[in-house]
Amino acid sequence: MEDSGKNIGKPSFNESLTQAFSLAEKDWKQYSPLTLAYLGDAVYELAVRTVYVKRMNCQAHKLNRLVVGHVSAKNQCRLVRTLLPMLSEEEYAVYKRGRNAKPASMAKNASTEEYLEATGFEALIGYLYLEERFDRMQELIRCGFHEEETGAAVTDQK
């Protein structure tokens, strides 16, 4: 993604939030894997929503169907399975922490294994977001769209 120069010298979104709300800097390792997944879920969904909104101008319910299919636990599980060989040791360790966490609930439309792998993926996205590794985060998210566009991944759309 090309930088138009608008943000040169400006703080990132994370830095702006930290300053605006006087948030303490915290090492990502101090967060539980489920907290990383909670944040990663929101960041991933925002990224997917942004891509769909910018690709097409259509009714919100149509956009929502596309997004829900893309961010489902089943689809995230398929995506992370293709990404595993691309992950660094540290990224894989974050994914494993998330996958091995014991969530209080499970997805309605996914197996336990799929849900846990999706949780690992979300933890990885949360970690990359907190570490402000946005280029890497976008690279991994882009792989999900590439699979969708080539037909390699089937989403849970109705």
N, C-alpha and C. Protein backbone atom coordinates (compact mmCIF):
# COMPACT_ATOMS: atom_id res chain seq x y z
N MET A 1 0.84 -1.17 0.00
CA MET A 1 0.00 0.00 0.00
C MET A 1 0.89 1.23 0.00
N GLU A 2 0.62 2.14 -0.92
CA GLU A 2 1.46 3.33 -1.07
C GLU A 2 1.07 4.41 -0.07
N ASP A 3 2.04 5.07 0.49
CA ASP A 3 1.79 6.16 1.43
C ASP A 3 1.72 7.45 0.63
N SER A 4 0.62 8.17 0.75
CA SER A 4 0.44 9.41 0.00
C SER A 4 1.21 10.58 0.61
N GLY A 5 1.85 10.33 1.73
CA GLY A 5 2.61 11.39 2.39
C GLY A 5 1.79 12.16 3.41
N LYS A 6 0.50 11.86 3.51
CA LYS A 6 -0.36 12.58 4.45
C LYS A 6 0.01 12.33 5.90
N ASN A 7 0.59 11.17 6.20
CA ASN A 7 0.85 10.80 7.59
C ASN A 7 2.31 10.91 8.00
N ILE A 8 3.13 11.46 7.14
CA ILE A 8 4.55 11.60 7.47
C ILE A 8 4.68 12.55 8.66
N GLY A 9 5.36 12.08 9.69
CA GLY A 9 5.58 12.90 10.87
C GLY A 9 4.41 12.92 11.85
N LYS A 10 3.31 12.28 11.49
CA LYS A 10 2.15 12.22 12.39
C LYS A 10 2.18 10.90 13.16
N PRO A 11 1.63 10.92 14.38
CA PRO A 11 1.61 9.67 15.15
C PRO A 11 0.63 8.67 14.53
N SER A 12 0.89 7.38 14.74
CA SER A 12 -0.03 6.34 14.27
C SER A 12 -1.31 6.42 15.09
N PHE A 13 -2.31 5.68 14.65
CA PHE A 13 -3.58 5.63 15.37
C PHE A 13 -3.36 5.17 16.81
N ASN A 14 -2.53 4.11 16.97
CA ASN A 14 -2.22 3.61 18.32
C ASN A 14 -1.57 4.70 19.18
N GLU A 15 -0.59 5.39 18.60
CA GLU A 15 0.10 6.46 19.33
C GLU A 15 -0.87 7.58 19.70
N SER A 16 -1.78 7.91 18.78
CA SER A 16 -2.77 8.95 19.06
C SER A 16 -3.68 8.55 20.21
N LEU A 17 -4.13 7.31 20.21
CA LEU A 17 -4.97 6.82 21.31
C LEU A 17 -4.22 6.85 22.63
N THR A 18 -2.97 6.41 22.59
CA THR A 18 -2.15 6.38 23.81
C THR A 18 -2.00 7.78 24.38
N GLN A 19 -1.77 8.75 23.51
CA GLN A 19 -1.62 10.14 23.96
C GLN A 19 -2.96 10.72 24.43
N ALA A 20 -4.01 10.54 23.65
CA ALA A 20 -5.31 11.13 23.95
C ALA A 20 -5.90 10.62 25.26
N PHE A 21 -5.66 9.35 25.56
CA PHE A 21 -6.25 8.75 26.76
C PHE A 21 -5.22 8.48 27.85
N SER A 22 -4.02 9.02 27.70
CA SER A 22 -2.95 8.85 28.68
C SER A 22 -2.77 7.37 29.04
N LEU A 23 -2.66 6.53 28.02
CA LEU A 23 -2.51 5.09 28.24
C LEU A 23 -1.05 4.74 28.47
N ALA A 24 -0.82 3.84 29.37
CA ALA A 24 0.54 3.39 29.65
C ALA A 24 1.00 2.44 28.55
N GLU A 25 2.27 2.53 28.20
CA GLU A 25 2.85 1.58 27.25
C GLU A 25 2.94 0.24 27.97
N LYS A 26 2.60 -0.82 27.28
CA LYS A 26 2.58 -2.13 27.90
C LYS A 26 3.12 -3.14 26.89
N ASP A 27 3.96 -4.03 27.34
CA ASP A 27 4.48 -5.09 26.49
C ASP A 27 3.34 -6.04 26.13
N TRP A 28 3.25 -6.41 24.86
CA TRP A 28 2.17 -7.27 24.40
C TRP A 28 2.13 -8.59 25.16
N LYS A 29 3.26 -9.04 25.70
CA LYS A 29 3.31 -10.31 26.42
C LYS A 29 2.55 -10.25 27.75
N GLN A 30 2.25 -9.05 28.20
CA GLN A 30 1.50 -8.89 29.44
C GLN A 30 0.00 -9.08 29.24
N TYR A 31 -0.44 -9.14 27.99
CA TYR A 31 -1.85 -9.36 27.71
C TYR A 31 -2.15 -10.84 27.60
N SER A 32 -3.31 -11.23 28.07
CA SER A 32 -3.71 -12.63 27.91
C SER A 32 -3.96 -12.90 26.43
N PRO A 33 -3.81 -14.14 25.99
CA PRO A 33 -4.06 -14.44 24.58
C PRO A 33 -5.50 -14.15 24.17
N LEU A 34 -6.45 -14.29 25.09
CA LEU A 34 -7.84 -14.00 24.75
C LEU A 34 -8.07 -12.49 24.62
N THR A 35 -7.30 -11.69 25.35
CA THR A 35 -7.38 -10.23 25.18
C THR A 35 -6.81 -9.84 23.82
N LEU A 36 -5.69 -10.46 23.43
CA LEU A 36 -5.14 -10.21 22.10
C LEU A 36 -6.15 -10.61 21.03
N ALA A 37 -6.82 -11.75 21.22
CA ALA A 37 -7.81 -12.22 20.25
C ALA A 37 -9.01 -11.27 20.20
N TYR A 38 -9.42 -10.77 21.34
CA TYR A 38 -10.54 -9.82 21.40
C TYR A 38 -10.23 -8.58 20.56
N LEU A 39 -9.04 -8.06 20.73
CA LEU A 39 -8.62 -6.89 19.95
C LEU A 39 -8.43 -7.27 18.48
N GLY A 40 -7.78 -8.40 18.24
CA GLY A 40 -7.53 -8.84 16.87
C GLY A 40 -8.81 -9.08 16.08
N ASP A 41 -9.84 -9.59 16.74
CA ASP A 41 -11.13 -9.81 16.10
C ASP A 41 -11.68 -8.48 15.57
N ALA A 42 -11.63 -7.45 16.40
CA ALA A 42 -12.14 -6.13 15.99
C ALA A 42 -11.30 -5.52 14.88
N VAL A 43 -9.99 -5.62 14.99
CA VAL A 43 -9.09 -5.05 13.99
C VAL A 43 -9.28 -5.76 12.65
N TYR A 44 -9.35 -7.09 12.69
CA TYR A 44 -9.54 -7.87 11.47
C TYR A 44 -10.87 -7.52 10.81
N GLU A 45 -11.92 -7.46 11.60
CA GLU A 45 -13.23 -7.13 11.03
C GLU A 45 -13.24 -5.72 10.45
N LEU A 46 -12.61 -4.77 11.12
CA LEU A 46 -12.53 -3.41 10.59
C LEU A 46 -11.77 -3.39 9.26
N ALA A 47 -10.68 -4.14 9.18
CA ALA A 47 -9.91 -4.20 7.94
C ALA A 47 -10.76 -4.79 6.81
N VAL A 48 -11.45 -5.89 7.08
CA VAL A 48 -12.28 -6.54 6.07
C VAL A 48 -13.43 -5.62 5.66
N ARG A 49 -14.08 -4.98 6.63
CA ARG A 49 -15.16 -4.04 6.30
C ARG A 49 -14.65 -2.91 5.42
N THR A 50 -13.48 -2.38 5.75
CA THR A 50 -12.91 -1.28 4.98
C THR A 50 -12.66 -1.71 3.54
N VAL A 51 -12.10 -2.90 3.34
CA VAL A 51 -11.83 -3.39 1.99
C VAL A 51 -13.13 -3.50 1.20
N TYR A 52 -14.14 -4.12 1.79
CA TYR A 52 -15.41 -4.28 1.07
C TYR A 52 -16.09 -2.95 0.78
N VAL A 53 -16.09 -2.04 1.74
CA VAL A 53 -16.72 -0.74 1.52
C VAL A 53 -16.02 0.02 0.40
N LYS A 54 -14.69 -0.04 0.39
CA LYS A 54 -13.95 0.68 -0.65
C LYS A 54 -14.02 -0.01 -2.01
N ARG A 55 -14.30 -1.31 -2.01
CA ARG A 55 -14.43 -2.03 -3.28
C ARG A 55 -15.79 -1.84 -3.92
N MET A 56 -16.81 -1.71 -3.11
CA MET A 56 -18.17 -1.65 -3.66
C MET A 56 -19.05 -0.73 -2.83
N ASN A 57 -19.88 -0.02 -3.49
CA ASN A 57 -20.83 0.86 -2.83
C ASN A 57 -22.20 0.21 -2.98
N CYS A 58 -22.61 -0.52 -1.97
CA CYS A 58 -23.90 -1.20 -2.04
C CYS A 58 -24.58 -1.15 -0.68
N GLN A 59 -25.72 -1.77 -0.61
CA GLN A 59 -26.50 -1.75 0.63
C GLN A 59 -25.73 -2.40 1.78
N ALA A 60 -25.95 -1.84 2.96
CA ALA A 60 -25.23 -2.32 4.14
C ALA A 60 -25.47 -3.81 4.41
N HIS A 61 -26.69 -4.29 4.20
CA HIS A 61 -26.94 -5.72 4.49
C HIS A 61 -26.18 -6.62 3.53
N LYS A 62 -25.94 -6.18 2.29
CA LYS A 62 -25.14 -6.98 1.36
C LYS A 62 -23.67 -6.97 1.79
N LEU A 63 -23.20 -5.80 2.19
CA LEU A 63 -21.83 -5.72 2.70
C LEU A 63 -21.67 -6.62 3.92
N ASN A 64 -22.65 -6.57 4.81
CA ASN A 64 -22.57 -7.36 6.04
C ASN A 64 -22.51 -8.85 5.74
N ARG A 65 -23.28 -9.33 4.77
CA ARG A 65 -23.22 -10.76 4.41
C ARG A 65 -21.83 -11.15 3.94
N LEU A 66 -21.22 -10.29 3.13
CA LEU A 66 -19.86 -10.57 2.65
C LEU A 66 -18.86 -10.59 3.80
N VAL A 67 -18.96 -9.59 4.67
CA VAL A 67 -18.02 -9.47 5.78
C VAL A 67 -18.19 -10.63 6.75
N VAL A 68 -19.41 -10.95 7.11
CA VAL A 68 -19.66 -12.04 8.06
C VAL A 68 -19.08 -13.35 7.53
N GLY A 69 -19.25 -13.60 6.24
CA GLY A 69 -18.67 -14.82 5.66
C GLY A 69 -17.16 -14.81 5.72
N HIS A 70 -16.58 -13.65 5.52
CA HIS A 70 -15.12 -13.53 5.50
C HIS A 70 -14.51 -13.66 6.89
N VAL A 71 -15.17 -13.12 7.90
CA VAL A 71 -14.58 -13.10 9.24
C VAL A 71 -15.06 -14.27 10.11
N SER A 72 -15.80 -15.21 9.54
CA SER A 72 -16.29 -16.35 10.32
C SER A 72 -15.12 -17.17 10.85
N ALA A 73 -15.37 -17.90 11.92
CA ALA A 73 -14.34 -18.76 12.50
C ALA A 73 -13.88 -19.81 11.49
N LYS A 74 -14.80 -20.37 10.71
CA LYS A 74 -14.42 -21.37 9.71
C LYS A 74 -13.48 -20.77 8.67
N ASN A 75 -13.80 -19.58 8.20
CA ASN A 75 -12.96 -18.95 7.20
C ASN A 75 -11.60 -18.54 7.78
N GLN A 76 -11.60 -18.02 9.01
CA GLN A 76 -10.34 -17.65 9.66
C GLN A 76 -9.48 -18.89 9.87
N CYS A 77 -10.09 -20.00 10.20
CA CYS A 77 -9.35 -21.26 10.38
C CYS A 77 -8.69 -21.66 9.07
N ARG A 78 -9.45 -21.63 7.97
CA ARG A 78 -8.87 -21.96 6.66
C ARG A 78 -7.72 -21.02 6.34
N LEU A 79 -7.90 -19.74 6.62
CA LEU A 79 -6.87 -18.75 6.32
C LEU A 79 -5.61 -19.02 7.13
N VAL A 80 -5.75 -19.20 8.42
CA VAL A 80 -4.56 -19.37 9.26
C VAL A 80 -3.81 -20.64 8.90
N ARG A 81 -4.51 -21.65 8.47
CA ARG A 81 -3.83 -22.88 8.06
C ARG A 81 -2.93 -22.64 6.84
N THR A 82 -3.32 -21.76 5.96
CA THR A 82 -2.46 -21.44 4.81
C THR A 82 -1.33 -20.50 5.20
N LEU A 83 -1.55 -19.72 6.27
CA LEU A 83 -0.54 -18.75 6.69
C LEU A 83 0.56 -19.35 7.56
N LEU A 84 0.30 -20.45 8.20
CA LEU A 84 1.26 -21.02 9.16
C LEU A 84 2.68 -21.11 8.62
N PRO A 85 2.90 -21.59 7.39
CA PRO A 85 4.28 -21.67 6.90
C PRO A 85 4.95 -20.30 6.72
N MET A 86 4.16 -19.24 6.65
CA MET A 86 4.69 -17.89 6.44
C MET A 86 5.06 -17.18 7.74
N LEU A 87 4.65 -17.74 8.89
CA LEU A 87 4.82 -17.05 10.16
C LEU A 87 6.24 -17.19 10.69
N SER A 88 6.71 -16.11 11.31
CA SER A 88 7.99 -16.16 12.01
C SER A 88 7.81 -16.98 13.28
N GLU A 89 8.92 -17.29 13.95
CA GLU A 89 8.83 -18.03 15.22
C GLU A 89 7.98 -17.29 16.24
N GLU A 90 8.20 -15.99 16.36
CA GLU A 90 7.45 -15.21 17.34
C GLU A 90 5.97 -15.15 16.97
N GLU A 91 5.65 -14.96 15.70
CA GLU A 91 4.26 -14.93 15.27
C GLU A 91 3.58 -16.27 15.53
N TYR A 92 4.29 -17.34 15.25
CA TYR A 92 3.74 -18.67 15.49
C TYR A 92 3.49 -18.88 16.99
N ALA A 93 4.40 -18.40 17.82
CA ALA A 93 4.23 -18.53 19.28
C ALA A 93 2.98 -17.77 19.74
N VAL A 94 2.74 -16.59 19.18
CA VAL A 94 1.54 -15.82 19.53
C VAL A 94 0.30 -16.57 19.08
N TYR A 95 0.33 -17.07 17.84
CA TYR A 95 -0.79 -17.87 17.32
C TYR A 95 -1.09 -19.05 18.25
N LYS A 96 -0.04 -19.77 18.64
CA LYS A 96 -0.20 -20.94 19.52
C LYS A 96 -0.79 -20.55 20.88
N ARG A 97 -0.33 -19.43 21.43
CA ARG A 97 -0.90 -18.96 22.71
C ARG A 97 -2.40 -18.75 22.58
N GLY A 98 -2.81 -18.12 21.47
CA GLY A 98 -4.23 -17.88 21.24
C GLY A 98 -4.99 -19.17 21.00
N ARG A 99 -4.42 -20.04 20.20
CA ARG A 99 -5.08 -21.31 19.88
C ARG A 99 -5.25 -22.17 21.13
N ASN A 100 -4.27 -22.13 22.03
CA ASN A 100 -4.31 -22.98 23.21
C ASN A 100 -5.06 -22.36 24.39
N ALA A 101 -5.53 -21.14 24.23
CA ALA A 101 -6.30 -20.49 25.31
C ALA A 101 -7.63 -21.22 25.50
N LYS A 102 -8.19 -21.04 26.63
CA LYS A 102 -9.47 -21.70 26.95
C LYS A 102 -10.58 -20.65 27.00
N PRO A 103 -11.22 -20.38 25.84
CA PRO A 103 -12.28 -19.38 25.82
C PRO A 103 -13.50 -19.85 26.60
N ALA A 104 -14.26 -18.89 27.10
CA ALA A 104 -15.45 -19.20 27.90
C ALA A 104 -16.59 -19.73 27.04
N SER A 105 -16.58 -19.40 25.75
CA SER A 105 -17.66 -19.86 24.86
C SER A 105 -17.05 -20.33 23.55
N MET A 106 -17.88 -20.96 22.73
CA MET A 106 -17.45 -21.45 21.42
C MET A 106 -18.38 -20.88 20.35
N ALA A 107 -17.91 -20.90 19.11
CA ALA A 107 -18.70 -20.42 17.99
C ALA A 107 -19.87 -21.35 17.74
N LYS A 108 -20.96 -20.77 17.25
CA LYS A 108 -22.15 -21.57 16.95
C LYS A 108 -21.98 -22.38 15.67
N ASN A 109 -21.26 -21.83 14.71
CA ASN A 109 -21.20 -22.44 13.39
C ASN A 109 -19.81 -22.95 13.02
N ALA A 110 -19.05 -23.36 14.01
CA ALA A 110 -17.71 -23.88 13.76
C ALA A 110 -17.40 -24.96 14.80
N SER A 111 -16.53 -25.87 14.41
CA SER A 111 -16.11 -26.90 15.35
C SER A 111 -15.21 -26.27 16.42
N THR A 112 -14.98 -26.99 17.49
CA THR A 112 -14.08 -26.49 18.54
C THR A 112 -12.70 -26.23 17.98
N GLU A 113 -12.19 -27.14 17.15
CA GLU A 113 -10.86 -26.98 16.56
C GLU A 113 -10.81 -25.72 15.68
N GLU A 114 -11.82 -25.53 14.85
CA GLU A 114 -11.86 -24.34 13.98
C GLU A 114 -11.90 -23.07 14.81
N TYR A 115 -12.71 -23.09 15.86
CA TYR A 115 -12.84 -21.91 16.71
C TYR A 115 -11.51 -21.58 17.40
N LEU A 116 -10.83 -22.59 17.89
CA LEU A 116 -9.56 -22.34 18.57
C LEU A 116 -8.49 -21.84 17.60
N GLU A 117 -8.46 -22.38 16.39
CA GLU A 117 -7.50 -21.90 15.39
C GLU A 117 -7.82 -20.46 14.99
N ALA A 118 -9.11 -20.15 14.88
CA ALA A 118 -9.52 -18.77 14.57
C ALA A 118 -9.12 -17.84 15.71
N THR A 119 -9.24 -18.31 16.94
CA THR A 119 -8.82 -17.51 18.10
C THR A 119 -7.33 -17.25 18.04
N GLY A 120 -6.55 -18.24 17.64
CA GLY A 120 -5.11 -18.05 17.46
C GLY A 120 -4.81 -17.00 16.40
N PHE A 121 -5.55 -17.05 15.29
CA PHE A 121 -5.38 -16.06 14.22
C PHE A 121 -5.70 -14.66 14.74
N GLU A 122 -6.80 -14.53 15.46
CA GLU A 122 -7.19 -13.23 16.01
C GLU A 122 -6.16 -12.71 17.01
N ALA A 123 -5.60 -13.60 17.82
CA ALA A 123 -4.55 -13.19 18.76
C ALA A 123 -3.34 -12.66 17.99
N LEU A 124 -3.01 -13.32 16.89
CA LEU A 124 -1.89 -12.86 16.05
C LEU A 124 -2.17 -11.47 15.49
N ILE A 125 -3.37 -11.24 15.02
CA ILE A 125 -3.73 -9.92 14.47
C ILE A 125 -3.68 -8.88 15.59
N GLY A 126 -4.17 -9.22 16.78
CA GLY A 126 -4.11 -8.30 17.92
C GLY A 126 -2.68 -7.95 18.30
N TYR A 127 -1.82 -8.95 18.29
CA TYR A 127 -0.40 -8.75 18.57
C TYR A 127 0.23 -7.81 17.54
N LEU A 128 0.01 -8.09 16.27
CA LEU A 128 0.59 -7.25 15.21
C LEU A 128 0.08 -5.81 15.31
N TYR A 129 -1.17 -5.66 15.68
CA TYR A 129 -1.75 -4.33 15.84
C TYR A 129 -1.08 -3.59 17.00
N LEU A 130 -0.96 -4.24 18.14
CA LEU A 130 -0.34 -3.59 19.31
C LEU A 130 1.13 -3.27 19.05
N GLU A 131 1.80 -4.12 18.29
CA GLU A 131 3.20 -3.90 17.96
C GLU A 131 3.37 -2.90 16.81
N GLU A 132 2.25 -2.44 16.27
CA GLU A 132 2.22 -1.49 15.15
C GLU A 132 2.96 -2.04 13.93
N ARG A 133 2.82 -3.32 13.74
CA ARG A 133 3.40 -3.98 12.55
C ARG A 133 2.31 -4.07 11.49
N PHE A 134 1.87 -2.90 11.06
CA PHE A 134 0.72 -2.79 10.16
C PHE A 134 1.00 -3.39 8.78
N ASP A 135 2.22 -3.23 8.28
CA ASP A 135 2.54 -3.81 6.97
C ASP A 135 2.41 -5.33 7.02
N ARG A 136 2.91 -5.93 8.07
CA ARG A 136 2.83 -7.40 8.21
C ARG A 136 1.38 -7.83 8.39
N MET A 137 0.63 -7.10 9.18
CA MET A 137 -0.78 -7.41 9.41
C MET A 137 -1.53 -7.36 8.07
N GLN A 138 -1.29 -6.31 7.29
CA GLN A 138 -1.95 -6.19 5.99
C GLN A 138 -1.53 -7.31 5.05
N GLU A 139 -0.27 -7.70 5.10
CA GLU A 139 0.20 -8.80 4.26
C GLU A 139 -0.57 -10.08 4.55
N LEU A 140 -0.76 -10.39 5.82
CA LEU A 140 -1.48 -11.61 6.20
C LEU A 140 -2.96 -11.50 5.84
N ILE A 141 -3.56 -10.36 6.09
CA ILE A 141 -4.97 -10.16 5.76
C ILE A 141 -5.17 -10.25 4.25
N ARG A 142 -4.25 -9.68 3.49
CA ARG A 142 -4.34 -9.70 2.03
C ARG A 142 -4.35 -11.15 1.52
N CYS A 143 -3.64 -12.04 2.19
CA CYS A 143 -3.65 -13.45 1.79
C CYS A 143 -5.06 -14.02 1.82
N GLY A 144 -5.86 -13.61 2.79
CA GLY A 144 -7.24 -14.06 2.88
C GLY A 144 -8.07 -13.59 1.70
N PHE A 145 -7.83 -12.38 1.25
CA PHE A 145 -8.56 -11.87 0.09
C PHE A 145 -8.06 -12.55 -1.18
N HIS A 146 -6.77 -12.83 -1.25
CA HIS A 146 -6.23 -13.52 -2.42
C HIS A 146 -6.87 -14.90 -2.56
N GLU A 147 -6.97 -15.61 -1.45
CA GLU A 147 -7.60 -16.93 -1.48
C GLU A 147 -9.05 -16.83 -1.92
N GLU A 148 -9.75 -15.83 -1.40
CA GLU A 148 -11.16 -15.65 -1.74
C GLU A 148 -11.30 -15.35 -3.23
N GLU A 149 -10.45 -14.49 -3.76
CA GLU A 149 -10.53 -14.09 -5.16
C GLU A 149 -10.17 -15.22 -6.11
N THR A 150 -9.28 -16.10 -5.67
CA THR A 150 -8.88 -17.22 -6.53
C THR A 150 -9.75 -18.45 -6.32
N GLY A 151 -10.68 -18.36 -5.36
CA GLY A 151 -11.57 -19.48 -5.11
C GLY A 151 -10.99 -20.53 -4.22
N ALA A 152 -9.83 -20.28 -3.63
CA ALA A 152 -9.19 -21.28 -2.77
C ALA A 152 -9.90 -21.41 -1.44
N ALA A 153 -10.51 -20.32 -0.97
CA ALA A 153 -11.24 -20.37 0.30
C ALA A 153 -12.71 -20.12 0.02
N VAL A 154 -13.55 -20.91 0.63
CA VAL A 154 -14.99 -20.74 0.47
C VAL A 154 -15.51 -20.14 1.76
N THR A 155 -16.22 -19.03 1.63
CA THR A 155 -16.75 -18.38 2.83
C THR A 155 -18.11 -18.93 3.17
N ASP A 156 -18.58 -18.61 4.35
CA ASP A 156 -19.86 -19.11 4.85
C ASP A 156 -21.01 -18.19 4.47
N GLN A 157 -21.00 -17.64 3.29
CA GLN A 157 -22.07 -16.74 2.86
C GLN A 157 -23.31 -17.53 2.53
N LYS A 158 -24.46 -16.87 2.68
CA LYS A 158 -25.75 -17.49 2.32
C LYS A 158 -26.31 -16.78 1.13
